[in-house]
PDB file of N, CA and C in Angstrom:
ATOM      1  N   MET A   1       0.842  -1.178  -0.036  1.00  0.00           N
ATOM      2  CA  MET A   1       0.025  -0.045  -0.045  1.00  0.00           C
ATOM      3  C   MET A   1       0.927   1.178   0.005  1.00  0.00           C
ATOM      4  N   SER A   2       0.590   2.189  -0.866  1.00  0.00           N
ATOM      5  CA  SER A   2       1.498   3.419  -1.008  1.00  0.00           C
ATOM      6  C   SER A   2       1.137   4.401   0.130  1.00  0.00           C
ATOM      7  N   THR A   3       2.004   5.298   0.434  1.00  0.00           N
ATOM      8  CA  THR A   3       1.778   6.299   1.405  1.00  0.00           C
ATOM      9  C   THR A   3       0.993   7.462   0.699  1.00  0.00           C
ATOM     10  N   VAL A   4       0.621   8.386   1.534  1.00  0.00           N
ATOM     11  CA  VAL A   4      -0.053   9.537   0.961  1.00  0.00           C
ATOM     12  C   VAL A   4       0.907  10.266   0.077  1.00  0.00           C
ATOM     13  N   LYS A   5       2.110  10.505   0.581  1.00  0.00           N
ATOM     14  CA  LYS A   5       3.218  11.189  -0.230  1.00  0.00           C
ATOM     15  C   LYS A   5       3.368  10.547  -1.657  1.00  0.00           C
ATOM     16  N   ASP A   6       3.426   9.168  -1.630  1.00  0.00           N
ATOM     17  CA  ASP A   6       3.530   8.563  -2.843  1.00  0.00           C
ATOM     18  C   ASP A   6       2.460   8.732  -3.775  1.00  0.00           C
ATOM     19  N   GLN A   7       1.206   8.798  -3.266  1.00  0.00           N
ATOM     20  CA  GLN A   7      -0.023   9.027  -4.038  1.00  0.00           C
ATOM     21  C   GLN A   7       0.035  10.446  -4.641  1.00  0.00           C
ATOM     22  N   VAL A   8       0.459  11.416  -3.790  1.00  0.00           N
ATOM     23  CA  VAL A   8       0.511  12.788  -4.326  1.00  0.00           C
ATOM     24  C   VAL A   8       1.587  12.992  -5.346  1.00  0.00           C
ATOM     25  N   ARG A   9       2.764  12.317  -5.121  1.00  0.00           N
ATOM     26  CA  ARG A   9       3.890  12.398  -6.078  1.00  0.00           C
ATOM     27  C   ARG A   9       3.365  11.717  -7.445  1.00  0.00           C
ATOM     28  N   ALA A  10       2.570  10.712  -7.426  1.00  0.00           N
ATOM     29  CA  ALA A  10       2.007   9.981  -8.641  1.00  0.00           C
ATOM     30  C   ALA A  10       1.062  10.989  -9.307  1.00  0.00           C
ATOM     31  N   LEU A  11       0.241  11.685  -8.472  1.00  0.00           N
ATOM     32  CA  LEU A  11      -0.681  12.664  -9.025  1.00  0.00           C
ATOM     33  C   LEU A  11       0.053  13.645  -9.750  1.00  0.00           C
ATOM     34  N   LEU A  12       1.166  14.274  -9.219  1.00  0.00           N
ATOM     35  CA  LEU A  12       1.936  15.278  -9.734  1.00  0.00           C
ATOM     36  C   LEU A  12       2.598  14.871 -11.001  1.00  0.00           C
ATOM     37  N   ASP A  13       3.007  13.611 -11.078  1.00  0.00           N
ATOM     38  CA  ASP A  13       3.586  13.099 -12.325  1.00  0.00           C
ATOM     39  C   ASP A  13       2.543  13.003 -13.468  1.00  0.00           C
ATOM     40  N   ARG A  14       1.315  12.787 -13.143  1.00  0.00           N
ATOM     41  CA  ARG A  14       0.325  12.697 -14.119  1.00  0.00           C
ATOM     42  C   ARG A  14      -0.264  14.010 -14.632  1.00  0.00           C
ATOM     43  N   LEU A  15      -0.114  15.053 -13.847  1.00  0.00           N
ATOM     44  CA  LEU A  15      -0.587  16.361 -14.255  1.00  0.00           C
ATOM     45  C   LEU A  15       0.470  17.054 -15.244  1.00  0.00           C
ATOM     46  N   PRO A  16      -0.040  17.857 -16.106  1.00  0.00           N
ATOM     47  CA  PRO A  16       0.837  18.601 -17.005  1.00  0.00           C
ATOM     48  C   PRO A  16       1.715  19.544 -16.275  1.00  0.00           C
ATOM     49  N   ASP A  17       2.957  19.968 -16.908  1.00  0.00           N
ATOM     50  CA  ASP A  17       3.825  20.846 -16.253  1.00  0.00           C
ATOM     51  C   ASP A  17       3.247  22.164 -15.956  1.00  0.00           C
ATOM     52  N   ASP A  18       2.230  22.614 -16.805  1.00  0.00           N
ATOM     53  CA  ASP A  18       1.645  23.929 -16.620  1.00  0.00           C
ATOM     54  C   ASP A  18       0.393  23.882 -15.791  1.00  0.00           C
ATOM     55  N   CYS A  19       0.163  22.909 -14.954  1.00  0.00           N
ATOM     56  CA  CYS A  19      -0.988  22.783 -14.153  1.00  0.00           C
ATOM     57  C   CYS A  19      -0.982  23.873 -13.066  1.00  0.00           C
ATOM     58  N   SER A  20      -2.153  24.183 -12.608  1.00  0.00           N
ATOM     59  CA  SER A  20      -2.339  25.232 -11.598  1.00  0.00           C
ATOM     60  C   SER A  20      -2.481  24.594 -10.300  1.00  0.00           C
ATOM     61  N   PHE A  21      -2.497  25.427  -9.210  1.00  0.00           N
ATOM     62  CA  PHE A  21      -2.719  24.936  -7.875  1.00  0.00           C
ATOM     63  C   PHE A  21      -4.101  24.428  -7.749  1.00  0.00           C
ATOM     64  N   ALA A  22      -5.120  24.994  -8.494  1.00  0.00           N
ATOM     65  CA  ALA A  22      -6.348  24.552  -8.557  1.00  0.00           C
ATOM     66  C   ALA A  22      -6.410  23.074  -9.037  1.00  0.00           C
ATOM     67  N   ASP A  23      -5.674  22.817 -10.103  1.00  0.00           N
ATOM     68  CA  ASP A  23      -5.622  21.436 -10.702  1.00  0.00           C
ATOM     69  C   ASP A  23      -5.094  20.416  -9.642  1.00  0.00           C
ATOM     70  N   VAL A  24      -4.007  20.753  -8.943  1.00  0.00           N
ATOM     71  CA  VAL A  24      -3.506  20.003  -7.889  1.00  0.00           C
ATOM     72  C   VAL A  24      -4.502  19.778  -6.798  1.00  0.00           C
ATOM     73  N   GLN A  25      -5.122  20.780  -6.284  1.00  0.00           N
ATOM     74  CA  GLN A  25      -6.170  20.730  -5.303  1.00  0.00           C
ATOM     75  C   GLN A  25      -7.314  19.846  -5.715  1.00  0.00           C
ATOM     76  N   ARG A  26      -7.788  20.031  -6.905  1.00  0.00           N
ATOM     77  CA  ARG A  26      -8.862  19.115  -7.422  1.00  0.00           C
ATOM     78  C   ARG A  26      -8.471  17.647  -7.388  1.00  0.00           C
ATOM     79  N   GLY A  27      -7.259  17.360  -7.920  1.00  0.00           N
ATOM     80  CA  GLY A  27      -6.799  16.048  -7.907  1.00  0.00           C
ATOM     81  C   GLY A  27      -6.699  15.353  -6.498  1.00  0.00           C
ATOM     82  N   ILE A  28      -6.196  16.162  -5.525  1.00  0.00           N
ATOM     83  CA  ILE A  28      -6.187  15.659  -4.185  1.00  0.00           C
ATOM     84  C   ILE A  28      -7.582  15.458  -3.603  1.00  0.00           C
ATOM     85  N   ALA A  29      -8.530  16.344  -4.005  1.00  0.00           N
ATOM     86  CA  ALA A  29      -9.876  16.171  -3.514  1.00  0.00           C
ATOM     87  C   ALA A  29     -10.518  14.943  -4.055  1.00  0.00           C
ATOM     88  N   VAL A  30     -10.201  14.552  -5.253  1.00  0.00           N
ATOM     89  CA  VAL A  30     -10.751  13.336  -5.939  1.00  0.00           C
ATOM     90  C   VAL A  30     -10.163  12.196  -5.190  1.00  0.00           C
ATOM     91  N   MET A  31      -8.820  12.182  -4.890  1.00  0.00           N
ATOM     92  CA  MET A  31      -8.167  11.148  -4.172  1.00  0.00           C
ATOM     93  C   MET A  31      -8.767  10.916  -2.745  1.00  0.00           C
ATOM     94  N   MET A  32      -9.209  11.968  -2.142  1.00  0.00           N
ATOM     95  CA  MET A  32      -9.786  11.909  -0.844  1.00  0.00           C
ATOM     96  C   MET A  32     -11.234  11.420  -0.756  1.00  0.00           C
ATOM     97  N   TRP A  33     -11.915  11.556  -1.928  1.00  0.00           N
ATOM     98  CA  TRP A  33     -13.309  11.284  -1.875  1.00  0.00           C
ATOM     99  C   TRP A  33     -13.578   9.808  -1.484  1.00  0.00           C
ATOM    100  N   PRO A  34     -14.622   9.632  -0.639  1.00  0.00           N
ATOM    101  CA  PRO A  34     -14.899   8.239  -0.126  1.00  0.00           C
ATOM    102  C   PRO A  34     -15.140   7.367  -1.256  1.00  0.00           C
ATOM    103  N   LYS A  35     -14.683   6.108  -1.174  1.00  0.00           N
ATOM    104  CA  LYS A  35     -14.930   5.122  -2.232  1.00  0.00           C
ATOM    105  C   LYS A  35     -15.559   3.887  -1.685  1.00  0.00           C
ATOM    106  N   SER A  36     -16.291   3.241  -2.610  1.00  0.00           N
ATOM    107  CA  SER A  36     -17.037   1.969  -2.215  1.00  0.00           C
ATOM    108  C   SER A  36     -16.006   0.874  -2.193  1.00  0.00           C
ATOM    109  N   ALA A  37     -16.461  -0.331  -1.752  1.00  0.00           N
ATOM    110  CA  ALA A  37     -15.564  -1.503  -1.724  1.00  0.00           C
ATOM    111  C   ALA A  37     -14.985  -1.807  -3.086  1.00  0.00           C
ATOM    112  N   ASP A  38     -15.745  -1.532  -4.205  1.00  0.00           N
ATOM    113  CA  ASP A  38     -15.238  -1.905  -5.474  1.00  0.00           C
ATOM    114  C   ASP A  38     -14.307  -0.740  -6.115  1.00  0.00           C
ATOM    115  N   GLY A  39     -13.999   0.264  -5.329  1.00  0.00           N
ATOM    116  CA  GLY A  39     -13.211   1.326  -5.764  1.00  0.00           C
ATOM    117  C   GLY A  39     -13.911   2.528  -6.411  1.00  0.00           C
ATOM    118  N   SER A  40     -15.128   2.351  -6.677  1.00  0.00           N
ATOM    119  CA  SER A  40     -15.886   3.457  -7.311  1.00  0.00           C
ATOM    120  C   SER A  40     -16.258   4.486  -6.298  1.00  0.00           C
ATOM    121  N   LEU A  41     -16.397   5.748  -6.834  1.00  0.00           N
ATOM    122  CA  LEU A  41     -16.746   6.943  -5.877  1.00  0.00           C
ATOM    123  C   LEU A  41     -18.063   6.788  -5.303  1.00  0.00           C
ATOM    124  N   GLU A  42     -18.213   7.004  -4.034  1.00  0.00           N
ATOM    125  CA  GLU A  42     -19.506   7.051  -3.367  1.00  0.00           C
ATOM    126  C   GLU A  42     -20.181   8.363  -3.631  1.00  0.00           C
ATOM    127  N   PRO A  43     -21.530   8.358  -3.680  1.00  0.00           N
ATOM    128  CA  PRO A  43     -22.194   9.717  -3.841  1.00  0.00           C
ATOM    129  C   PRO A  43     -22.035  10.462  -2.499  1.00  0.00           C
ATOM    130  N   PRO A  44     -22.126  11.738  -2.643  1.00  0.00           N
ATOM    131  CA  PRO A  44     -21.935  12.548  -1.351  1.00  0.00           C
ATOM    132  C   PRO A  44     -23.149  12.246  -0.418  1.00  0.00           C
ATOM    133  N   ARG A  45     -22.813  12.199   0.871  1.00  0.00           N
ATOM    134  CA  ARG A  45     -23.951  12.113   1.884  1.00  0.00           C
ATOM    135  C   ARG A  45     -24.597  13.434   2.040  1.00  0.00           C
ATOM    136  N   ARG A  46     -25.877  13.391   2.112  1.00  0.00           N
ATOM    137  CA  ARG A  46     -26.712  14.524   2.481  1.00  0.00           C
ATOM    138  C   ARG A  46     -26.817  14.882   3.868  1.00  0.00           C
ATOM    139  N   VAL A  47     -26.606  16.048   4.284  1.00  0.00           N
ATOM    140  CA  VAL A  47     -26.642  16.442   5.667  1.00  0.00           C
ATOM    141  C   VAL A  47     -27.984  17.213   5.827  1.00  0.00           C
ATOM    142  N   ASP A  48     -28.794  16.780   6.837  1.00  0.00           N
ATOM    143  CA  ASP A  48     -30.025  17.405   7.067  1.00  0.00           C
ATOM    144  C   ASP A  48     -29.879  18.869   7.352  1.00  0.00           C
ATOM    145  N   PRO A  49     -30.640  19.733   6.777  1.00  0.00           N
ATOM    146  CA  PRO A  49     -30.575  21.129   7.005  1.00  0.00           C
ATOM    147  C   PRO A  49     -30.580  21.577   8.506  1.00  0.00           C
ATOM    148  N   GLU A  50     -31.308  20.989   9.312  1.00  0.00           N
ATOM    149  CA  GLU A  50     -31.287  21.265  10.762  1.00  0.00           C
ATOM    150  C   GLU A  50     -29.929  20.875  11.278  1.00  0.00           C
ATOM    151  N   GLU A  51     -29.303  19.924  10.902  1.00  0.00           N
ATOM    152  CA  GLU A  51     -27.925  19.494  11.351  1.00  0.00           C
ATOM    153  C   GLU A  51     -26.945  20.641  10.897  1.00  0.00           C
ATOM    154  N   VAL A  52     -27.111  21.132   9.614  1.00  0.00           N
ATOM    155  CA  VAL A  52     -26.233  22.188   9.198  1.00  0.00           C
ATOM    156  C   VAL A  52     -26.396  23.365  10.066  1.00  0.00           C
ATOM    157  N   LYS A  53     -27.627  23.765  10.348  1.00  0.00           N
ATOM    158  CA  LYS A  53     -27.849  24.968  11.181  1.00  0.00           C
ATOM    159  C   LYS A  53     -27.208  24.798  12.504  1.00  0.00           C
ATOM    160  N   ARG A  54     -27.376  23.570  13.094  1.00  0.00           N
ATOM    161  CA  ARG A  54     -26.868  23.281  14.450  1.00  0.00           C
ATOM    162  C   ARG A  54     -25.257  23.386  14.388  1.00  0.00           C
ATOM    163  N   ARG A  55     -24.657  22.879  13.385  1.00  0.00           N
ATOM    164  CA  ARG A  55     -23.249  22.966  13.232  1.00  0.00           C
ATOM    165  C   ARG A  55     -22.712  24.355  13.045  1.00  0.00           C
ATOM    166  N   LEU A  56     -23.484  25.184  12.288  1.00  0.00           N
ATOM    167  CA  LEU A  56     -23.159  26.536  12.078  1.00  0.00           C
ATOM    168  C   LEU A  56     -23.229  27.394  13.311  1.00  0.00           C
ATOM    169  N   ARG A  57     -24.281  27.097  14.136  1.00  0.00           N
ATOM    170  CA  ARG A  57     -24.494  27.812  15.341  1.00  0.00           C
ATOM    171  C   ARG A  57     -23.371  27.496  16.378  1.00  0.00           C
ATOM    172  N   GLU A  58     -22.954  26.231  16.379  1.00  0.00           N
ATOM    173  CA  GLU A  58     -21.899  25.798  17.229  1.00  0.00           C
ATOM    174  C   GLU A  58     -20.564  26.445  16.801  1.00  0.00           C
ATOM    175  N   TRP A  59     -20.294  26.477  15.471  1.00  0.00           N
ATOM    176  CA  TRP A  59     -19.034  27.096  14.922  1.00  0.00           C
ATOM    177  C   TRP A  59     -19.085  28.599  15.228  1.00  0.00           C
ATOM    178  N   MET A  60     -20.114  29.311  14.989  1.00  0.00           N
ATOM    179  CA  MET A  60     -20.227  30.747  15.228  1.00  0.00           C
ATOM    180  C   MET A  60     -20.016  30.966  16.719  1.00  0.00           C
ATOM    181  N   LYS A  61     -20.532  30.159  17.631  1.00  0.00           N
ATOM    182  CA  LYS A  61     -20.376  30.368  18.993  1.00  0.00           C
ATOM    183  C   LYS A  61     -18.810  30.225  19.411  1.00  0.00           C
ATOM    184  N   SER A  62     -18.182  29.276  18.887  1.00  0.00           N
ATOM    185  CA  SER A  62     -16.774  29.001  19.143  1.00  0.00           C
ATOM    186  C   SER A  62     -15.914  30.113  18.519  1.00  0.00           C
ATOM    187  N   GLU A  63     -16.268  30.648  17.354  1.00  0.00           N
ATOM    188  CA  GLU A  63     -15.512  31.793  16.807  1.00  0.00           C
ATOM    189  C   GLU A  63     -15.712  33.019  17.644  1.00  0.00           C
ATOM    190  N   GLY A  64     -16.867  33.195  18.359  1.00  0.00           N
ATOM    191  CA  GLY A  64     -17.047  34.352  19.146  1.00  0.00           C
ATOM    192  C   GLY A  64     -16.250  34.282  20.455  1.00  0.00           C
ATOM    193  N   GLU A  65     -15.888  33.082  20.802  1.00  0.00           N
ATOM    194  CA  GLU A  65     -15.032  32.923  22.091  1.00  0.00           C
ATOM    195  C   GLU A  65     -13.617  33.188  21.889  1.00  0.00           C
ATOM    196  N   LYS A  66     -13.113  33.362  20.590  1.00  0.00           N
ATOM    197  CA  LYS A  66     -11.727  33.618  20.346  1.00  0.00           C
ATOM    198  C   LYS A  66     -11.360  35.116  20.612  1.00  0.00           C
TER     199      LYS A  66
END
């Protein structure tokens, strides 16, 4: 099993020399995407809107304490 560094190096080798930071970032994001047992990409999980609101309130509260 390859390390994360090995995987990123392989990604960089596959990208063209004139790639942008956005291209690298997009490639890493795809590598990080959850995968099924067969290696295919899993669809994104939907978060309930009420849970999103709860998380935002919690985050805003923690930001106010800084």
